[in-house]
Amino acid sequence: MISTYTAKYTKINTGYMGQLVEWPEVITEGKTLEECREMLQDAVREMIITYRQQNKEIPTGRALLEQIPVEV
């Protein structure tokens, strides 16, 4: 079964931080955006294995993100 999660990437001093919106515990960093993507995919695979071993419910994906303009 394939699940789809929503990744959020933030530029940081050392590269990029990646985090899953629906599963905030899955978080990682990479020097480049591509490295961060790969590490995030690896992190979620490992988290799924851990959750299954602990009989925890795996969060479902498919969050909807929307940017809201705000005048500042």
N, C-alpha and C. Protein backbone atom coordinates (compact mmCIF):
# COMPACT_ATOMS: atom_id res chain seq x y z
N MET A 1 0.85 -1.19 0.00
CA MET A 1 0.00 0.00 0.00
C MET A 1 0.89 1.24 0.00
N ILE A 2 0.52 2.20 -0.79
CA ILE A 2 1.26 3.46 -0.85
C ILE A 2 0.44 4.55 -0.17
N SER A 3 1.08 5.25 0.76
CA SER A 3 0.46 6.41 1.41
C SER A 3 1.18 7.65 0.94
N THR A 4 0.47 8.74 0.91
CA THR A 4 1.06 10.02 0.51
C THR A 4 1.04 10.96 1.71
N TYR A 5 2.20 11.51 2.03
CA TYR A 5 2.31 12.47 3.12
C TYR A 5 2.72 13.83 2.57
N THR A 6 2.46 14.86 3.33
CA THR A 6 2.77 16.23 2.93
C THR A 6 4.06 16.66 3.62
N ALA A 7 5.07 16.97 2.81
CA ALA A 7 6.37 17.39 3.36
C ALA A 7 6.45 18.91 3.36
N LYS A 8 7.01 19.43 4.44
CA LYS A 8 7.25 20.86 4.56
C LYS A 8 8.76 21.05 4.65
N TYR A 9 9.31 21.88 3.78
CA TYR A 9 10.75 22.14 3.78
C TYR A 9 11.00 23.59 4.17
N THR A 10 11.96 23.77 5.06
CA THR A 10 12.31 25.10 5.53
C THR A 10 13.81 25.31 5.31
N LYS A 11 14.18 26.43 4.71
CA LYS A 11 15.59 26.77 4.52
C LYS A 11 16.17 27.15 5.86
N ILE A 12 17.30 26.51 6.23
CA ILE A 12 18.00 26.82 7.47
C ILE A 12 19.47 27.12 7.14
N ASN A 13 20.22 27.57 8.12
CA ASN A 13 21.62 27.96 7.87
C ASN A 13 22.47 26.84 7.28
N THR A 14 22.21 25.61 7.67
CA THR A 14 23.02 24.48 7.23
C THR A 14 22.43 23.76 6.02
N GLY A 15 21.33 24.24 5.46
CA GLY A 15 20.70 23.61 4.30
C GLY A 15 19.18 23.68 4.39
N TYR A 16 18.55 22.50 4.57
CA TYR A 16 17.09 22.43 4.64
C TYR A 16 16.65 21.50 5.76
N MET A 17 15.53 21.84 6.37
CA MET A 17 14.88 20.98 7.34
C MET A 17 13.60 20.48 6.70
N GLY A 18 13.34 19.20 6.80
CA GLY A 18 12.12 18.62 6.26
C GLY A 18 11.30 17.97 7.36
N GLN A 19 9.98 18.12 7.27
CA GLN A 19 9.09 17.56 8.29
C GLN A 19 7.78 17.17 7.62
N LEU A 20 7.17 16.09 8.10
CA LEU A 20 5.86 15.70 7.58
C LEU A 20 4.78 16.45 8.34
N VAL A 21 3.86 17.05 7.62
CA VAL A 21 2.79 17.83 8.23
C VAL A 21 1.90 16.94 9.08
N GLU A 22 1.52 15.77 8.55
CA GLU A 22 0.60 14.89 9.25
C GLU A 22 1.26 14.09 10.37
N TRP A 23 2.59 14.07 10.36
CA TRP A 23 3.35 13.26 11.31
C TRP A 23 4.57 14.05 11.75
N PRO A 24 4.39 15.06 12.61
CA PRO A 24 5.45 16.00 12.97
C PRO A 24 6.70 15.36 13.59
N GLU A 25 6.57 14.15 14.13
CA GLU A 25 7.74 13.47 14.70
C GLU A 25 8.75 13.07 13.63
N VAL A 26 8.31 13.00 12.37
CA VAL A 26 9.21 12.66 11.27
C VAL A 26 9.83 13.96 10.77
N ILE A 27 11.09 14.16 11.15
CA ILE A 27 11.78 15.41 10.84
C ILE A 27 13.25 15.11 10.58
N THR A 28 13.85 15.81 9.66
CA THR A 28 15.25 15.59 9.32
C THR A 28 15.84 16.84 8.68
N GLU A 29 17.13 16.79 8.43
CA GLU A 29 17.83 17.91 7.78
C GLU A 29 18.75 17.37 6.69
N GLY A 30 19.02 18.20 5.69
CA GLY A 30 19.96 17.87 4.63
C GLY A 30 20.65 19.12 4.12
N LYS A 31 21.82 18.95 3.54
CA LYS A 31 22.56 20.10 3.01
C LYS A 31 21.89 20.69 1.79
N THR A 32 21.24 19.84 0.99
CA THR A 32 20.50 20.30 -0.18
C THR A 32 19.05 19.86 -0.05
N LEU A 33 18.20 20.45 -0.85
CA LEU A 33 16.79 20.07 -0.83
C LEU A 33 16.63 18.60 -1.22
N GLU A 34 17.36 18.16 -2.24
CA GLU A 34 17.27 16.77 -2.67
C GLU A 34 17.73 15.81 -1.57
N GLU A 35 18.83 16.15 -0.90
CA GLU A 35 19.30 15.31 0.20
C GLU A 35 18.27 15.26 1.31
N CYS A 36 17.66 16.38 1.61
CA CYS A 36 16.64 16.45 2.65
C CYS A 36 15.44 15.58 2.28
N ARG A 37 15.02 15.61 1.01
CA ARG A 37 13.91 14.77 0.54
C ARG A 37 14.22 13.29 0.75
N GLU A 38 15.43 12.89 0.34
CA GLU A 38 15.83 11.49 0.48
C GLU A 38 15.86 11.07 1.94
N MET A 39 16.40 11.93 2.79
CA MET A 39 16.48 11.62 4.21
C MET A 39 15.09 11.56 4.85
N LEU A 40 14.18 12.41 4.40
CA LEU A 40 12.82 12.41 4.92
C LEU A 40 12.10 11.13 4.53
N GLN A 41 12.29 10.68 3.30
CA GLN A 41 11.69 9.41 2.87
C GLN A 41 12.23 8.25 3.69
N ASP A 42 13.53 8.25 3.94
CA ASP A 42 14.13 7.21 4.77
C ASP A 42 13.59 7.29 6.20
N ALA A 43 13.47 8.49 6.73
CA ALA A 43 12.98 8.67 8.10
C ALA A 43 11.56 8.16 8.26
N VAL A 44 10.69 8.41 7.27
CA VAL A 44 9.31 7.95 7.40
C VAL A 44 9.24 6.43 7.27
N ARG A 45 10.08 5.84 6.42
CA ARG A 45 10.11 4.37 6.34
C ARG A 45 10.51 3.76 7.69
N GLU A 46 11.53 4.33 8.31
CA GLU A 46 11.99 3.84 9.61
C GLU A 46 10.92 4.04 10.69
N MET A 47 10.23 5.17 10.63
CA MET A 47 9.18 5.44 11.61
C MET A 47 8.02 4.46 11.45
N ILE A 48 7.69 4.11 10.21
CA ILE A 48 6.62 3.13 9.97
C ILE A 48 7.01 1.78 10.57
N ILE A 49 8.25 1.35 10.37
CA ILE A 49 8.72 0.09 10.94
C ILE A 49 8.61 0.13 12.46
N THR A 50 9.05 1.23 13.06
CA THR A 50 9.01 1.38 14.52
C THR A 50 7.58 1.35 15.03
N TYR A 51 6.69 2.09 14.39
CA TYR A 51 5.29 2.13 14.82
C TYR A 51 4.65 0.74 14.72
N ARG A 52 4.95 0.01 13.65
CA ARG A 52 4.39 -1.34 13.50
C ARG A 52 4.90 -2.26 14.60
N GLN A 53 6.19 -2.17 14.93
CA GLN A 53 6.76 -3.00 15.99
C GLN A 53 6.13 -2.70 17.34
N GLN A 54 5.73 -1.44 17.54
CA GLN A 54 5.14 -1.02 18.81
C GLN A 54 3.61 -1.07 18.78
N ASN A 55 3.05 -1.59 17.69
CA ASN A 55 1.59 -1.67 17.52
C ASN A 55 0.90 -0.31 17.68
N LYS A 56 1.57 0.74 17.20
CA LYS A 56 0.99 2.08 17.23
C LYS A 56 0.28 2.35 15.90
N GLU A 57 -0.71 3.20 15.95
CA GLU A 57 -1.43 3.59 14.73
C GLU A 57 -0.58 4.56 13.91
N ILE A 58 -0.43 4.24 12.63
CA ILE A 58 0.34 5.09 11.73
C ILE A 58 -0.57 6.22 11.23
N PRO A 59 -0.13 7.47 11.40
CA PRO A 59 -0.96 8.60 10.94
C PRO A 59 -1.24 8.51 9.43
N THR A 60 -2.43 8.93 9.05
CA THR A 60 -2.78 8.95 7.64
C THR A 60 -2.27 10.23 7.00
N GLY A 61 -2.05 10.19 5.72
CA GLY A 61 -1.51 11.33 5.00
C GLY A 61 -2.59 12.15 4.32
N ARG A 62 -2.16 12.87 3.29
CA ARG A 62 -3.03 13.67 2.43
C ARG A 62 -3.57 14.93 3.09
N ALA A 63 -2.71 15.67 3.75
CA ALA A 63 -3.12 16.96 4.31
C ALA A 63 -3.31 17.95 3.17
N LEU A 64 -4.11 18.94 3.39
CA LEU A 64 -4.30 20.01 2.43
C LEU A 64 -3.61 21.25 2.98
N LEU A 65 -2.68 21.77 2.21
CA LEU A 65 -1.99 23.01 2.61
C LEU A 65 -2.45 24.15 1.74
N GLU A 66 -2.56 25.30 2.35
CA GLU A 66 -3.00 26.48 1.62
C GLU A 66 -2.24 27.69 2.14
N GLN A 67 -1.74 28.48 1.22
CA GLN A 67 -1.09 29.72 1.63
C GLN A 67 -2.15 30.82 1.70
N ILE A 68 -2.09 31.58 2.79
CA ILE A 68 -3.06 32.64 3.02
C ILE A 68 -2.32 33.97 3.01
N PRO A 69 -2.66 34.87 2.10
CA PRO A 69 -1.99 36.17 2.07
C PRO A 69 -2.44 37.04 3.24
N VAL A 70 -1.46 37.70 3.85
CA VAL A 70 -1.73 38.59 4.98
C VAL A 70 -0.89 39.85 4.78
N GLU A 71 -1.52 41.00 4.85
CA GLU A 71 -0.79 42.24 4.71
C GLU A 71 -0.08 42.55 6.02
N VAL A 72 1.24 42.85 5.93
CA VAL A 72 1.99 43.16 7.15
C VAL A 72 2.62 44.53 7.06
